[in-house]
Amino acid sequence: MPETSDALQAVHDVAAGTAVLLDVRREDEWDDIRAEGATHWPLSRLQNEEMPDIAPETRIYVHCAAGKRAEEAREILIAHGFADVINIGGLADWQNAGGEIE
């Protein structure tokens, strides 16, 4: 499960361009508010085995609204060959770690 330090590291890595932040919330949630620099890929797409166009060795930080969907997404991504996937929890965890929203 998510650790505060993971969200802090995510903010740093995404800003540095060394990792991808994947938002797995629904479209309406994404339209309302989102983390700056995030890529939107709803959990439903992952559940349908539609994988994002991200190199398998790329570090991926995944978040949803609170962390439960992000954990399911993390497990799906790992099962499909993505080696470095970290659940940072919810959008509030990103914000609390200093991440910008838009």
N, C-alpha and C. Protein backbone atom coordinates (compact mmCIF):
# COMPACT_ATOMS: atom_id res chain seq x y z
N MET A 1 0.84 -1.19 0.00
CA MET A 1 0.00 0.00 0.00
C MET A 1 0.88 1.25 0.00
N PRO A 2 0.27 2.40 -0.29
CA PRO A 2 1.04 3.62 -0.46
C PRO A 2 1.78 4.07 0.80
N GLU A 3 2.92 4.66 0.57
CA GLU A 3 3.73 5.26 1.62
C GLU A 3 3.89 6.74 1.28
N THR A 4 3.92 7.61 2.29
CA THR A 4 4.10 9.04 2.06
C THR A 4 5.37 9.31 1.28
N SER A 5 6.43 8.58 1.58
CA SER A 5 7.70 8.79 0.88
C SER A 5 7.58 8.47 -0.60
N ASP A 6 6.68 7.54 -0.98
CA ASP A 6 6.48 7.23 -2.39
C ASP A 6 5.90 8.43 -3.13
N ALA A 7 4.95 9.13 -2.52
CA ALA A 7 4.36 10.31 -3.14
C ALA A 7 5.40 11.42 -3.27
N LEU A 8 6.22 11.60 -2.25
CA LEU A 8 7.30 12.60 -2.31
C LEU A 8 8.27 12.29 -3.44
N GLN A 9 8.64 11.03 -3.56
CA GLN A 9 9.56 10.62 -4.63
C GLN A 9 8.89 10.79 -5.99
N ALA A 10 7.58 10.51 -6.06
CA ALA A 10 6.85 10.67 -7.32
C ALA A 10 6.88 12.11 -7.80
N VAL A 11 6.63 13.05 -6.90
CA VAL A 11 6.66 14.46 -7.27
C VAL A 11 8.02 14.82 -7.85
N HIS A 12 9.07 14.37 -7.21
CA HIS A 12 10.43 14.64 -7.68
C HIS A 12 10.70 13.99 -9.04
N ASP A 13 10.41 12.69 -9.15
CA ASP A 13 10.72 11.95 -10.37
C ASP A 13 9.92 12.43 -11.58
N VAL A 14 8.64 12.73 -11.36
CA VAL A 14 7.81 13.22 -12.47
C VAL A 14 8.31 14.58 -12.94
N ALA A 15 8.65 15.46 -11.99
CA ALA A 15 9.19 16.78 -12.35
C ALA A 15 10.50 16.65 -13.11
N ALA A 16 11.31 15.66 -12.75
CA ALA A 16 12.60 15.46 -13.40
C ALA A 16 12.47 14.73 -14.74
N GLY A 17 11.29 14.23 -15.02
CA GLY A 17 11.08 13.51 -16.28
C GLY A 17 11.59 12.09 -16.28
N THR A 18 11.83 11.53 -15.08
CA THR A 18 12.37 10.17 -15.00
C THR A 18 11.31 9.12 -14.69
N ALA A 19 10.05 9.56 -14.58
CA ALA A 19 8.96 8.64 -14.28
C ALA A 19 7.66 9.19 -14.87
N VAL A 20 6.69 8.31 -14.96
CA VAL A 20 5.36 8.66 -15.45
C VAL A 20 4.38 8.59 -14.29
N LEU A 21 3.47 9.56 -14.22
CA LEU A 21 2.38 9.54 -13.25
C LEU A 21 1.11 9.14 -13.99
N LEU A 22 0.55 8.02 -13.62
CA LEU A 22 -0.63 7.48 -14.29
C LEU A 22 -1.85 7.64 -13.39
N ASP A 23 -2.84 8.36 -13.88
CA ASP A 23 -4.09 8.60 -13.16
C ASP A 23 -5.11 7.59 -13.69
N VAL A 24 -5.62 6.73 -12.82
CA VAL A 24 -6.53 5.66 -13.25
C VAL A 24 -7.98 5.94 -12.86
N ARG A 25 -8.28 7.19 -12.53
CA ARG A 25 -9.66 7.54 -12.18
C ARG A 25 -10.56 7.59 -13.42
N ARG A 26 -11.85 7.71 -13.17
CA ARG A 26 -12.82 7.82 -14.26
C ARG A 26 -12.66 9.15 -15.00
N GLU A 27 -13.22 9.22 -16.20
CA GLU A 27 -13.15 10.42 -17.03
C GLU A 27 -13.71 11.65 -16.32
N ASP A 28 -14.85 11.51 -15.64
CA ASP A 28 -15.46 12.66 -14.96
C ASP A 28 -14.57 13.18 -13.83
N GLU A 29 -13.88 12.27 -13.15
CA GLU A 29 -12.96 12.68 -12.09
C GLU A 29 -11.77 13.44 -12.69
N TRP A 30 -11.26 12.92 -13.79
CA TRP A 30 -10.13 13.53 -14.50
C TRP A 30 -10.52 14.94 -14.98
N ASP A 31 -11.73 15.07 -15.52
CA ASP A 31 -12.18 16.36 -16.04
C ASP A 31 -12.31 17.40 -14.93
N ASP A 32 -12.60 16.97 -13.73
CA ASP A 32 -12.82 17.87 -12.61
C ASP A 32 -11.52 18.46 -12.07
N ILE A 33 -10.53 17.60 -11.84
CA ILE A 33 -9.24 18.02 -11.26
C ILE A 33 -8.22 16.94 -11.56
N ARG A 34 -6.97 17.35 -11.77
CA ARG A 34 -5.94 16.36 -12.09
C ARG A 34 -4.56 16.83 -11.63
N ALA A 35 -3.67 15.88 -11.47
CA ALA A 35 -2.28 16.19 -11.12
C ALA A 35 -1.58 16.73 -12.36
N GLU A 36 -0.83 17.78 -12.16
CA GLU A 36 -0.07 18.36 -13.27
C GLU A 36 0.94 17.34 -13.79
N GLY A 37 0.93 17.12 -15.08
CA GLY A 37 1.88 16.20 -15.70
C GLY A 37 1.42 14.76 -15.74
N ALA A 38 0.22 14.48 -15.22
CA ALA A 38 -0.27 13.10 -15.19
C ALA A 38 -0.76 12.66 -16.57
N THR A 39 -0.72 11.37 -16.78
CA THR A 39 -1.30 10.73 -17.96
C THR A 39 -2.57 10.03 -17.50
N HIS A 40 -3.66 10.25 -18.21
CA HIS A 40 -4.93 9.63 -17.83
C HIS A 40 -5.08 8.29 -18.55
N TRP A 41 -5.28 7.25 -17.76
CA TRP A 41 -5.51 5.91 -18.28
C TRP A 41 -6.45 5.20 -17.31
N PRO A 42 -7.76 5.31 -17.53
CA PRO A 42 -8.73 4.76 -16.59
C PRO A 42 -8.52 3.28 -16.28
N LEU A 43 -8.80 2.92 -15.05
CA LEU A 43 -8.68 1.53 -14.63
C LEU A 43 -9.47 0.60 -15.54
N SER A 44 -10.62 1.05 -16.02
CA SER A 44 -11.44 0.21 -16.90
C SER A 44 -10.69 -0.22 -18.15
N ARG A 45 -9.81 0.62 -18.66
CA ARG A 45 -9.00 0.25 -19.83
C ARG A 45 -8.00 -0.84 -19.46
N LEU A 46 -7.39 -0.71 -18.30
CA LEU A 46 -6.47 -1.74 -17.84
C LEU A 46 -7.20 -3.07 -17.63
N GLN A 47 -8.40 -2.98 -17.06
CA GLN A 47 -9.19 -4.19 -16.83
C GLN A 47 -9.56 -4.87 -18.14
N ASN A 48 -9.64 -4.07 -19.23
CA ASN A 48 -9.92 -4.61 -20.57
C ASN A 48 -8.63 -5.00 -21.30
N GLU A 49 -7.52 -5.01 -20.55
CA GLU A 49 -6.20 -5.37 -21.06
C GLU A 49 -5.68 -4.42 -22.13
N GLU A 50 -6.09 -3.16 -22.04
CA GLU A 50 -5.54 -2.10 -22.88
C GLU A 50 -4.42 -1.45 -22.07
N MET A 51 -3.20 -1.60 -22.53
CA MET A 51 -2.06 -1.08 -21.79
C MET A 51 -1.58 0.25 -22.39
N PRO A 52 -1.12 1.16 -21.54
CA PRO A 52 -0.60 2.44 -22.04
C PRO A 52 0.70 2.23 -22.81
N ASP A 53 0.98 3.16 -23.69
CA ASP A 53 2.20 3.10 -24.50
C ASP A 53 3.36 3.68 -23.69
N ILE A 54 3.81 2.88 -22.74
CA ILE A 54 4.91 3.25 -21.85
C ILE A 54 5.91 2.10 -21.88
N ALA A 55 7.19 2.42 -22.00
CA ALA A 55 8.21 1.37 -22.01
C ALA A 55 8.13 0.57 -20.71
N PRO A 56 8.23 -0.75 -20.80
CA PRO A 56 8.06 -1.62 -19.63
C PRO A 56 9.04 -1.35 -18.49
N GLU A 57 10.20 -0.79 -18.79
CA GLU A 57 11.19 -0.54 -17.74
C GLU A 57 11.02 0.84 -17.08
N THR A 58 10.09 1.65 -17.57
CA THR A 58 9.85 2.98 -17.02
C THR A 58 9.22 2.88 -15.63
N ARG A 59 9.67 3.72 -14.73
CA ARG A 59 9.03 3.79 -13.41
C ARG A 59 7.68 4.48 -13.59
N ILE A 60 6.64 3.82 -13.08
CA ILE A 60 5.28 4.35 -13.17
C ILE A 60 4.74 4.52 -11.76
N TYR A 61 4.32 5.74 -11.46
CA TYR A 61 3.60 6.01 -10.21
C TYR A 61 2.13 6.06 -10.59
N VAL A 62 1.30 5.35 -9.87
CA VAL A 62 -0.12 5.28 -10.20
C VAL A 62 -0.94 5.81 -9.03
N HIS A 63 -2.01 6.56 -9.37
CA HIS A 63 -2.90 7.07 -8.32
C HIS A 63 -4.33 7.07 -8.83
N CYS A 64 -5.25 7.12 -7.87
CA CYS A 64 -6.68 7.27 -8.17
C CYS A 64 -7.19 8.34 -7.22
N ALA A 65 -8.38 8.15 -6.66
CA ALA A 65 -8.91 9.13 -5.71
C ALA A 65 -8.42 8.86 -4.29
N ALA A 66 -8.32 7.57 -3.92
CA ALA A 66 -7.93 7.23 -2.55
C ALA A 66 -6.88 6.12 -2.46
N GLY A 67 -6.66 5.35 -3.51
CA GLY A 67 -5.62 4.33 -3.50
C GLY A 67 -6.05 2.93 -3.86
N LYS A 68 -7.33 2.60 -3.69
CA LYS A 68 -7.78 1.23 -3.95
C LYS A 68 -7.71 0.88 -5.43
N ARG A 69 -8.23 1.74 -6.30
CA ARG A 69 -8.15 1.47 -7.75
C ARG A 69 -6.70 1.50 -8.23
N ALA A 70 -5.91 2.37 -7.62
CA ALA A 70 -4.49 2.45 -8.00
C ALA A 70 -3.79 1.14 -7.69
N GLU A 71 -4.14 0.49 -6.60
CA GLU A 71 -3.52 -0.79 -6.25
C GLU A 71 -3.92 -1.86 -7.26
N GLU A 72 -5.18 -1.86 -7.66
CA GLU A 72 -5.62 -2.82 -8.68
C GLU A 72 -4.89 -2.55 -10.00
N ALA A 73 -4.74 -1.28 -10.34
CA ALA A 73 -4.02 -0.92 -11.57
C ALA A 73 -2.57 -1.36 -11.49
N ARG A 74 -1.94 -1.15 -10.33
CA ARG A 74 -0.55 -1.57 -10.15
C ARG A 74 -0.40 -3.06 -10.39
N GLU A 75 -1.30 -3.85 -9.84
CA GLU A 75 -1.24 -5.30 -10.00
C GLU A 75 -1.42 -5.71 -11.46
N ILE A 76 -2.34 -5.05 -12.16
CA ILE A 76 -2.56 -5.36 -13.58
C ILE A 76 -1.32 -5.01 -14.40
N LEU A 77 -0.76 -3.83 -14.16
CA LEU A 77 0.43 -3.41 -14.91
C LEU A 77 1.60 -4.37 -14.69
N ILE A 78 1.81 -4.77 -13.46
CA ILE A 78 2.89 -5.72 -13.16
C ILE A 78 2.64 -7.04 -13.87
N ALA A 79 1.41 -7.51 -13.87
CA ALA A 79 1.06 -8.76 -14.54
C ALA A 79 1.29 -8.68 -16.05
N HIS A 80 1.29 -7.46 -16.59
CA HIS A 80 1.52 -7.27 -18.02
C HIS A 80 2.95 -6.83 -18.34
N GLY A 81 3.85 -7.04 -17.42
CA GLY A 81 5.27 -6.85 -17.72
C GLY A 81 5.88 -5.52 -17.36
N PHE A 82 5.12 -4.64 -16.74
CA PHE A 82 5.71 -3.38 -16.28
C PHE A 82 6.42 -3.67 -14.96
N ALA A 83 7.70 -3.37 -14.91
CA ALA A 83 8.55 -3.85 -13.82
C ALA A 83 8.58 -2.95 -12.58
N ASP A 84 8.32 -1.66 -12.74
CA ASP A 84 8.53 -0.71 -11.65
C ASP A 84 7.29 0.17 -11.49
N VAL A 85 6.28 -0.36 -10.80
CA VAL A 85 5.00 0.33 -10.64
C VAL A 85 4.74 0.55 -9.16
N ILE A 86 4.48 1.79 -8.78
CA ILE A 86 4.30 2.15 -7.39
C ILE A 86 2.97 2.88 -7.20
N ASN A 87 2.17 2.40 -6.29
CA ASN A 87 0.90 3.03 -5.94
C ASN A 87 1.19 4.14 -4.93
N ILE A 88 0.89 5.39 -5.31
CA ILE A 88 1.11 6.50 -4.36
C ILE A 88 -0.17 6.87 -3.63
N GLY A 89 -1.27 6.17 -3.91
CA GLY A 89 -2.53 6.44 -3.22
C GLY A 89 -3.47 7.28 -4.05
N GLY A 90 -3.92 8.39 -3.45
CA GLY A 90 -4.89 9.24 -4.11
C GLY A 90 -4.33 10.58 -4.51
N LEU A 91 -5.17 11.35 -5.19
CA LEU A 91 -4.76 12.68 -5.63
C LEU A 91 -4.35 13.56 -4.44
N ALA A 92 -5.01 13.41 -3.31
CA ALA A 92 -4.64 14.18 -2.12
C ALA A 92 -3.23 13.85 -1.66
N ASP A 93 -2.81 12.59 -1.82
CA ASP A 93 -1.43 12.21 -1.44
C ASP A 93 -0.43 12.95 -2.32
N TRP A 94 -0.73 13.05 -3.61
CA TRP A 94 0.11 13.80 -4.55
C TRP A 94 0.20 15.26 -4.10
N GLN A 95 -0.95 15.87 -3.80
CA GLN A 95 -0.99 17.27 -3.38
C GLN A 95 -0.24 17.47 -2.07
N ASN A 96 -0.45 16.59 -1.10
CA ASN A 96 0.20 16.70 0.20
C ASN A 96 1.72 16.57 0.11
N ALA A 97 2.18 15.91 -0.95
CA ALA A 97 3.63 15.75 -1.16
C ALA A 97 4.22 16.92 -1.94
N GLY A 98 3.37 17.89 -2.27
CA GLY A 98 3.86 19.07 -2.99
C GLY A 98 3.59 19.06 -4.47
N GLY A 99 2.87 18.05 -4.94
CA GLY A 99 2.56 17.97 -6.36
C GLY A 99 1.51 19.00 -6.75
N GLU A 100 1.68 19.56 -7.91
CA GLU A 100 0.74 20.58 -8.41
C GLU A 100 -0.49 19.91 -9.03
N ILE A 101 -1.59 20.63 -9.01
CA ILE A 101 -2.81 20.15 -9.67
C ILE A 101 -3.23 21.17 -10.71
N GLU A 102 -4.06 20.73 -11.64
CA GLU A 102 -4.59 21.66 -12.64
C GLU A 102 -6.05 21.42 -12.83
